[in-house]
Amino acid sequence: MGELVDTTPGYHDSFMLAAIAPTPLWL
């Protein structure tokens, strides 16, 4: 999705966001 806003996030950074964002839902 980074291409939609002209950025190229690394997979590691994307993984960090994907891992942290659902924290409230898990809790």
PDB file of all heavy atoms in Angstrom:
ATOM      1  N   MET A   1       0.810  -1.220   0.000  1.00  0.00           N
ATOM      2  CA  MET A   1       0.000   0.000   0.000  1.00  0.00           C
ATOM      3  C   MET A   1       0.842   1.268   0.000  1.00  0.00           C
ATOM      4  O   MET A   1       0.343   2.336  -0.328  1.00  0.00           O
ATOM      5  CB  MET A   1      -0.913   0.039   1.228  1.00  0.00           C
ATOM      6  CG  MET A   1      -2.120  -0.830   1.151  1.00  0.00           C
ATOM      7  SD  MET A   1      -3.052  -0.607   2.680  1.00  0.00           S
ATOM      8  CE  MET A   1      -4.603  -1.272   2.187  1.00  0.00           C
ATOM      9  N   GLY A   2       2.092   1.150   0.396  1.00  0.00           N
ATOM     10  CA  GLY A   2       2.959   2.321   0.439  1.00  0.00           C
ATOM     11  C   GLY A   2       3.020   3.059  -0.881  1.00  0.00           C
ATOM     12  O   GLY A   2       3.158   4.290  -0.913  1.00  0.00           O
ATOM     13  N   GLU A   3       2.901   2.325  -1.974  1.00  0.00           N
ATOM     14  CA  GLU A   3       2.952   2.947  -3.303  1.00  0.00           C
ATOM     15  C   GLU A   3       1.834   3.968  -3.497  1.00  0.00           C
ATOM     16  O   GLU A   3       1.977   4.907  -4.268  1.00  0.00           O
ATOM     17  CB  GLU A   3       2.851   1.869  -4.386  1.00  0.00           C
ATOM     18  CG  GLU A   3       4.021   0.903  -4.394  1.00  0.00           C
ATOM     19  CD  GLU A   3       3.834  -0.217  -5.404  1.00  0.00           C
ATOM     20  OE1 GLU A   3       2.878  -0.156  -6.196  1.00  0.00           O
ATOM     21  OE2 GLU A   3       4.662  -1.148  -5.399  1.00  0.00           O
ATOM     22  N   LEU A   4       0.729   3.796  -2.774  1.00  0.00           N
ATOM     23  CA  LEU A   4      -0.406   4.717  -2.917  1.00  0.00           C
ATOM     24  C   LEU A   4      -0.065   6.126  -2.441  1.00  0.00           C
ATOM     25  O   LEU A   4      -0.695   7.085  -2.864  1.00  0.00           O
ATOM     26  CB  LEU A   4      -1.621   4.183  -2.149  1.00  0.00           C
ATOM     27  CG  LEU A   4      -2.147   2.823  -2.604  1.00  0.00           C
ATOM     28  CD1 LEU A   4      -3.210   2.315  -1.647  1.00  0.00           C
ATOM     29  CD2 LEU A   4      -2.713   2.913  -4.020  1.00  0.00           C
ATOM     30  N   VAL A   5       0.918   6.227  -1.531  1.00  0.00           N
ATOM     31  CA  VAL A   5       1.314   7.550  -1.035  1.00  0.00           C
ATOM     32  C   VAL A   5       2.795   7.830  -1.329  1.00  0.00           C
ATOM     33  O   VAL A   5       3.444   8.590  -0.633  1.00  0.00           O
ATOM     34  CB  VAL A   5       1.018   7.687   0.477  1.00  0.00           C
ATOM     35  CG1 VAL A   5      -0.474   7.685   0.745  1.00  0.00           C
ATOM     36  CG2 VAL A   5       1.713   6.597   1.284  1.00  0.00           C
ATOM     37  N   ASP A   6       3.309   7.188  -2.362  1.00  0.00           N
ATOM     38  CA  ASP A   6       4.685   7.391  -2.818  1.00  0.00           C
ATOM     39  C   ASP A   6       5.722   7.129  -1.733  1.00  0.00           C
ATOM     40  O   ASP A   6       6.646   7.911  -1.527  1.00  0.00           O
ATOM     41  CB  ASP A   6       4.870   8.817  -3.360  1.00  0.00           C
ATOM     42  CG  ASP A   6       3.947   9.095  -4.525  1.00  0.00           C
ATOM     43  OD1 ASP A   6       3.757   8.177  -5.348  1.00  0.00           O
ATOM     44  OD2 ASP A   6       3.397  10.206  -4.605  1.00  0.00           O
ATOM     45  N   THR A   7       5.559   6.039  -1.010  1.00  0.00           N
ATOM     46  CA  THR A   7       6.565   5.640  -0.045  1.00  0.00           C
ATOM     47  C   THR A   7       6.803   4.140  -0.201  1.00  0.00           C
ATOM     48  O   THR A   7       5.972   3.431  -0.765  1.00  0.00           O
ATOM     49  CB  THR A   7       6.144   5.969   1.405  1.00  0.00           C
ATOM     50  OG1 THR A   7       7.228   5.692   2.286  1.00  0.00           O
ATOM     51  CG2 THR A   7       4.930   5.164   1.839  1.00  0.00           C
ATOM     52  N   THR A   8       7.941   3.693   0.250  1.00  0.00           N
ATOM     53  CA  THR A   8       8.259   2.265   0.136  1.00  0.00           C
ATOM     54  C   THR A   8       8.681   1.731   1.506  1.00  0.00           C
ATOM     55  O   THR A   8       9.862   1.599   1.794  1.00  0.00           O
ATOM     56  CB  THR A   8       9.396   2.038  -0.887  1.00  0.00           C
ATOM     57  OG1 THR A   8      10.500   2.895  -0.535  1.00  0.00           O
ATOM     58  CG2 THR A   8       8.953   2.340  -2.283  1.00  0.00           C
ATOM     59  N   PRO A   9       7.676   1.441   2.353  1.00  0.00           N
ATOM     60  CA  PRO A   9       8.023   0.900   3.673  1.00  0.00           C
ATOM     61  C   PRO A   9       8.639  -0.483   3.547  1.00  0.00           C
ATOM     62  O   PRO A   9       8.269  -1.256   2.661  1.00  0.00           O
ATOM     63  CB  PRO A   9       6.678   0.843   4.398  1.00  0.00           C
ATOM     64  CG  PRO A   9       5.666   0.764   3.312  1.00  0.00           C
ATOM     65  CD  PRO A   9       6.241   1.532   2.146  1.00  0.00           C
ATOM     66  N   GLY A  10       9.588  -0.758   4.411  1.00  0.00           N
ATOM     67  CA  GLY A  10      10.168  -2.092   4.441  1.00  0.00           C
ATOM     68  C   GLY A  10       9.196  -3.077   5.061  1.00  0.00           C
ATOM     69  O   GLY A  10       8.265  -2.687   5.786  1.00  0.00           O
ATOM     70  N   TYR A  11       9.401  -4.349   4.788  1.00  0.00           N
ATOM     71  CA  TYR A  11       8.494  -5.359   5.341  1.00  0.00           C
ATOM     72  C   TYR A  11       8.566  -5.361   6.866  1.00  0.00           C
ATOM     73  O   TYR A  11       7.558  -5.530   7.550  1.00  0.00           O
ATOM     74  CB  TYR A  11       8.821  -6.747   4.791  1.00  0.00           C
ATOM     75  CG  TYR A  11       7.820  -7.782   5.232  1.00  0.00           C
ATOM     76  CD1 TYR A  11       6.578  -7.860   4.612  1.00  0.00           C
ATOM     77  CD2 TYR A  11       8.086  -8.650   6.287  1.00  0.00           C
ATOM     78  CE1 TYR A  11       5.629  -8.793   5.028  1.00  0.00           C
ATOM     79  CE2 TYR A  11       7.150  -9.576   6.702  1.00  0.00           C
ATOM     80  CZ  TYR A  11       5.922  -9.647   6.077  1.00  0.00           C
ATOM     81  OH  TYR A  11       4.983 -10.555   6.497  1.00  0.00           O
ATOM     82  N   HIS A  12       9.764  -5.129   7.405  1.00  0.00           N
ATOM     83  CA  HIS A  12       9.925  -5.127   8.857  1.00  0.00           C
ATOM     84  C   HIS A  12       9.082  -4.036   9.507  1.00  0.00           C
ATOM     85  O   HIS A  12       8.393  -4.274  10.510  1.00  0.00           O
ATOM     86  CB  HIS A  12      11.406  -4.945   9.210  1.00  0.00           C
ATOM     87  CG  HIS A  12      11.683  -5.053  10.674  1.00  0.00           C
ATOM     88  ND1 HIS A  12      11.531  -3.979  11.533  1.00  0.00           N
ATOM     89  CD2 HIS A  12      12.077  -6.097  11.440  1.00  0.00           C
ATOM     90  CE1 HIS A  12      11.832  -4.370  12.762  1.00  0.00           C
ATOM     91  NE2 HIS A  12      12.165  -5.653  12.727  1.00  0.00           N
ATOM     92  N   ASP A  13       9.112  -2.815   8.942  1.00  0.00           N
ATOM     93  CA  ASP A  13       8.314  -1.712   9.489  1.00  0.00           C
ATOM     94  C   ASP A  13       6.821  -1.990   9.325  1.00  0.00           C
ATOM     95  O   ASP A  13       6.023  -1.684  10.213  1.00  0.00           O
ATOM     96  CB  ASP A  13       8.689  -0.395   8.814  1.00  0.00           C
ATOM     97  CG  ASP A  13      10.110   0.032   9.139  1.00  0.00           C
ATOM     98  OD1 ASP A  13      10.571  -0.268  10.256  1.00  0.00           O
ATOM     99  OD2 ASP A  13      10.766   0.640   8.274  1.00  0.00           O
ATOM    100  N   SER A  14       6.443  -2.563   8.192  1.00  0.00           N
ATOM    101  CA  SER A  14       5.042  -2.925   7.967  1.00  0.00           C
ATOM    102  C   SER A  14       4.597  -3.982   8.974  1.00  0.00           C
ATOM    103  O   SER A  14       3.482  -3.934   9.495  1.00  0.00           O
ATOM    104  CB  SER A  14       4.853  -3.462   6.548  1.00  0.00           C
ATOM    105  OG  SER A  14       5.211  -2.495   5.591  1.00  0.00           O
ATOM    106  N   PHE A  15       5.494  -4.915   9.274  1.00  0.00           N
ATOM    107  CA  PHE A  15       5.181  -5.954  10.247  1.00  0.00           C
ATOM    108  C   PHE A  15       5.004  -5.361  11.639  1.00  0.00           C
ATOM    109  O   PHE A  15       4.110  -5.770  12.390  1.00  0.00           O
ATOM    110  CB  PHE A  15       6.262  -7.035  10.262  1.00  0.00           C
ATOM    111  CG  PHE A  15       5.938  -8.184  11.171  1.00  0.00           C
ATOM    112  CD1 PHE A  15       5.130  -9.218  10.724  1.00  0.00           C
ATOM    113  CD2 PHE A  15       6.405  -8.221  12.461  1.00  0.00           C
ATOM    114  CE1 PHE A  15       4.795 -10.273  11.562  1.00  0.00           C
ATOM    115  CE2 PHE A  15       6.082  -9.269  13.314  1.00  0.00           C
ATOM    116  CZ  PHE A  15       5.273 -10.297  12.859  1.00  0.00           C
ATOM    117  N   MET A  16       5.858  -4.376  11.991  1.00  0.00           N
ATOM    118  CA  MET A  16       5.723  -3.745  13.306  1.00  0.00           C
ATOM    119  C   MET A  16       4.343  -3.097  13.456  1.00  0.00           C
ATOM    120  O   MET A  16       3.697  -3.223  14.494  1.00  0.00           O
ATOM    121  CB  MET A  16       6.838  -2.715  13.539  1.00  0.00           C
ATOM    122  CG  MET A  16       8.178  -3.345  13.870  1.00  0.00           C
ATOM    123  SD  MET A  16       9.377  -2.202  14.609  1.00  0.00           S
ATOM    124  CE  MET A  16       9.728  -1.119  13.245  1.00  0.00           C
ATOM    125  N   LEU A  17       3.893  -2.407  12.408  1.00  0.00           N
ATOM    126  CA  LEU A  17       2.577  -1.780  12.468  1.00  0.00           C
ATOM    127  C   LEU A  17       1.476  -2.838  12.535  1.00  0.00           C
ATOM    128  O   LEU A  17       0.537  -2.724  13.339  1.00  0.00           O
ATOM    129  CB  LEU A  17       2.356  -0.863  11.265  1.00  0.00           C
ATOM    130  CG  LEU A  17       1.048  -0.059  11.285  1.00  0.00           C
ATOM    131  CD1 LEU A  17       1.023   0.901  12.476  1.00  0.00           C
ATOM    132  CD2 LEU A  17       0.870   0.706   9.982  1.00  0.00           C
ATOM    133  N   ALA A  18       1.600  -3.880  11.725  1.00  0.00           N
ATOM    134  CA  ALA A  18       0.589  -4.947  11.717  1.00  0.00           C
ATOM    135  C   ALA A  18       0.547  -5.690  13.047  1.00  0.00           C
ATOM    136  O   ALA A  18      -0.496  -6.218  13.432  1.00  0.00           O
ATOM    137  CB  ALA A  18       0.878  -5.930  10.572  1.00  0.00           C
ATOM    138  N   ALA A  19       1.668  -5.729  13.759  1.00  0.00           N
ATOM    139  CA  ALA A  19       1.723  -6.428  15.046  1.00  0.00           C
ATOM    140  C   ALA A  19       1.188  -5.575  16.185  1.00  0.00           C
ATOM    141  O   ALA A  19       0.562  -6.089  17.110  1.00  0.00           O
ATOM    142  CB  ALA A  19       3.163  -6.844  15.347  1.00  0.00           C
ATOM    143  N   ILE A  20       1.396  -4.266  16.119  1.00  0.00           N
ATOM    144  CA  ILE A  20       1.023  -3.395  17.237  1.00  0.00           C
ATOM    145  C   ILE A  20      -0.401  -2.867  17.110  1.00  0.00           C
ATOM    146  O   ILE A  20      -1.122  -2.742  18.101  1.00  0.00           O
ATOM    147  CB  ILE A  20       2.041  -2.249  17.359  1.00  0.00           C
ATOM    148  CG1 ILE A  20       3.374  -2.833  17.832  1.00  0.00           C
ATOM    149  CG2 ILE A  20       1.561  -1.166  18.315  1.00  0.00           C
ATOM    150  CD1 ILE A  20       4.530  -1.921  17.742  1.00  0.00           C
ATOM    151  N   ALA A  21      -0.849  -2.573  15.890  1.00  0.00           N
ATOM    152  CA  ALA A  21      -2.176  -1.967  15.694  1.00  0.00           C
ATOM    153  C   ALA A  21      -3.331  -2.774  16.287  1.00  0.00           C
ATOM    154  O   ALA A  21      -4.262  -2.189  16.841  1.00  0.00           O
ATOM    155  CB  ALA A  21      -2.408  -1.700  14.212  1.00  0.00           C
ATOM    156  N   PRO A  22      -3.328  -4.117  16.218  1.00  0.00           N
ATOM    157  CA  PRO A  22      -4.480  -4.842  16.766  1.00  0.00           C
ATOM    158  C   PRO A  22      -4.453  -5.038  18.279  1.00  0.00           C
ATOM    159  O   PRO A  22      -5.342  -5.683  18.834  1.00  0.00           O
ATOM    160  CB  PRO A  22      -4.431  -6.198  16.050  1.00  0.00           C
ATOM    161  CG  PRO A  22      -3.059  -6.342  15.541  1.00  0.00           C
ATOM    162  CD  PRO A  22      -2.454  -4.983  15.423  1.00  0.00           C
ATOM    163  N   THR A  23      -3.471  -4.469  18.965  1.00  0.00           N
ATOM    164  CA  THR A  23      -3.356  -4.659  20.419  1.00  0.00           C
ATOM    165  C   THR A  23      -4.661  -4.367  21.156  1.00  0.00           C
ATOM    166  O   THR A  23      -5.117  -5.183  21.970  1.00  0.00           O
ATOM    167  CB  THR A  23      -2.197  -3.819  20.987  1.00  0.00           C
ATOM    168  OG1 THR A  23      -0.983  -4.211  20.341  1.00  0.00           O
ATOM    169  CG2 THR A  23      -2.055  -4.025  22.488  1.00  0.00           C
ATOM    170  N   PRO A  24      -5.316  -3.206  20.922  1.00  0.00           N
ATOM    171  CA  PRO A  24      -6.578  -2.961  21.637  1.00  0.00           C
ATOM    172  C   PRO A  24      -7.658  -3.995  21.332  1.00  0.00           C
ATOM    173  O   PRO A  24      -8.455  -4.349  22.206  1.00  0.00           O
ATOM    174  CB  PRO A  24      -7.008  -1.571  21.147  1.00  0.00           C
ATOM    175  CG  PRO A  24      -5.756  -0.927  20.661  1.00  0.00           C
ATOM    176  CD  PRO A  24      -4.925  -2.042  20.110  1.00  0.00           C
ATOM    177  N   LEU A  25      -7.683  -4.501  20.098  1.00  0.00           N
ATOM    178  CA  LEU A  25      -8.684  -5.504  19.738  1.00  0.00           C
ATOM    179  C   LEU A  25      -8.432  -6.820  20.471  1.00  0.00           C
ATOM    180  O   LEU A  25      -9.372  -7.475  20.934  1.00  0.00           O
ATOM    181  CB  LEU A  25      -8.699  -5.723  18.227  1.00  0.00           C
ATOM    182  CG  LEU A  25      -9.206  -4.527  17.420  1.00  0.00           C
ATOM    183  CD1 LEU A  25      -8.937  -4.725  15.935  1.00  0.00           C
ATOM    184  CD2 LEU A  25     -10.688  -4.313  17.660  1.00  0.00           C
ATOM    185  N   TRP A  26      -7.168  -7.209  20.560  1.00  0.00           N
ATOM    186  CA  TRP A  26      -6.843  -8.421  21.317  1.00  0.00           C
ATOM    187  C   TRP A  26      -7.257  -8.255  22.777  1.00  0.00           C
ATOM    188  O   TRP A  26      -7.878  -9.132  23.356  1.00  0.00           O
ATOM    189  CB  TRP A  26      -5.354  -8.741  21.216  1.00  0.00           C
ATOM    190  CG  TRP A  26      -4.932  -9.319  19.912  1.00  0.00           C
ATOM    191  CD1 TRP A  26      -5.632 -10.198  19.137  1.00  0.00           C
ATOM    192  CD2 TRP A  26      -3.712  -9.072  19.213  1.00  0.00           C
ATOM    193  NE1 TRP A  26      -4.904 -10.511  18.006  1.00  0.00           N
ATOM    194  CE2 TRP A  26      -3.715  -9.839  18.025  1.00  0.00           C
ATOM    195  CE3 TRP A  26      -2.584  -8.287  19.469  1.00  0.00           C
ATOM    196  CZ2 TRP A  26      -2.677  -9.846  17.114  1.00  0.00           C
ATOM    197  CZ3 TRP A  26      -1.538  -8.287  18.557  1.00  0.00           C
ATOM    198  CH2 TRP A  26      -1.587  -9.053  17.387  1.00  0.00           C
ATOM    199  N   LEU A  27      -6.916  -7.110  23.361  1.00  0.00           N
ATOM    200  CA  LEU A  27      -7.226  -6.874  24.769  1.00  0.00           C
ATOM    201  C   LEU A  27      -8.731  -6.728  25.007  1.00  0.00           C
ATOM    202  O   LEU A  27      -9.225  -7.059  26.086  1.00  0.00           O
ATOM    203  CB  LEU A  27      -6.491  -5.624  25.271  1.00  0.00           C
ATOM    204  CG  LEU A  27      -4.960  -5.729  25.300  1.00  0.00           C
ATOM    205  CD1 LEU A  27      -4.344  -4.399  25.708  1.00  0.00           C
ATOM    206  CD2 LEU A  27      -4.505  -6.841  26.245  1.00  0.00           C
TER     207      LEU A  27
END
